[in-house]
Amino acid sequence: MEFKSIYVHALRDNNPALLRDLVRNGQLEAHLQAKSAEAHELLNQLLASEPKGPDGLPKDQQAQRLAEERVLAEMLEFPEETPSEENQEPTDDPSWEQAGALIPLREIQIAKRKLERSEKRLASLSRLALDPSVPPEKRRLLRALARQQRAAVQLSKKALRYRIRQAQGP
């Protein structure tokens, strides 16, 4: 599985600050090697129970493709460029009534940020799926991932609209 080029494209689209830092510090190649090794290790774990042919590859190509999809989906997750607000505590000390009113709002804000990240991931996957420099078999995998991500984004939007309606009350 050619992972490095896909990873660099996704990194450029999802976390350009990290990419700049890696290039500036001369650590890009080492980072790519580590991530590629991690991806191949995960792929090997996922395919460990599959029967192998004489070439060492799984006999079931569908299992190979599904495992590669899972690896890409997992490995193309990037940390946020700023510290996560999900884990930060509020700076003021509201009363219990105020805190109760803030909780749904805070959950909605977190859900919106997650949805935005999912939409960015979808855009990145869609761009990669159309990139002629990516091998055709990888583009097929990326298109499948993009379809899954699109479905997840649609469900997230529905859930967010429901949460907003619930928070607004009757």
Foldseek 3Di string as FASTA:
>chain_A
DPDLVLLVLLCCLQPVVVVVVCVVVVNSVVVSVVLVVVLVVQLCVQCVPADADPVRHGPDVVSSLVSNLVSCVVSSDDDDPDPDPVPDDDPDDDDPVVVVLVVLVVVLVVLVVVLVSLVSSLVSLVVVLPDPVDDPSVSVSSVVSSVVSVVVSVVSVVVSVVSVDVSVPD
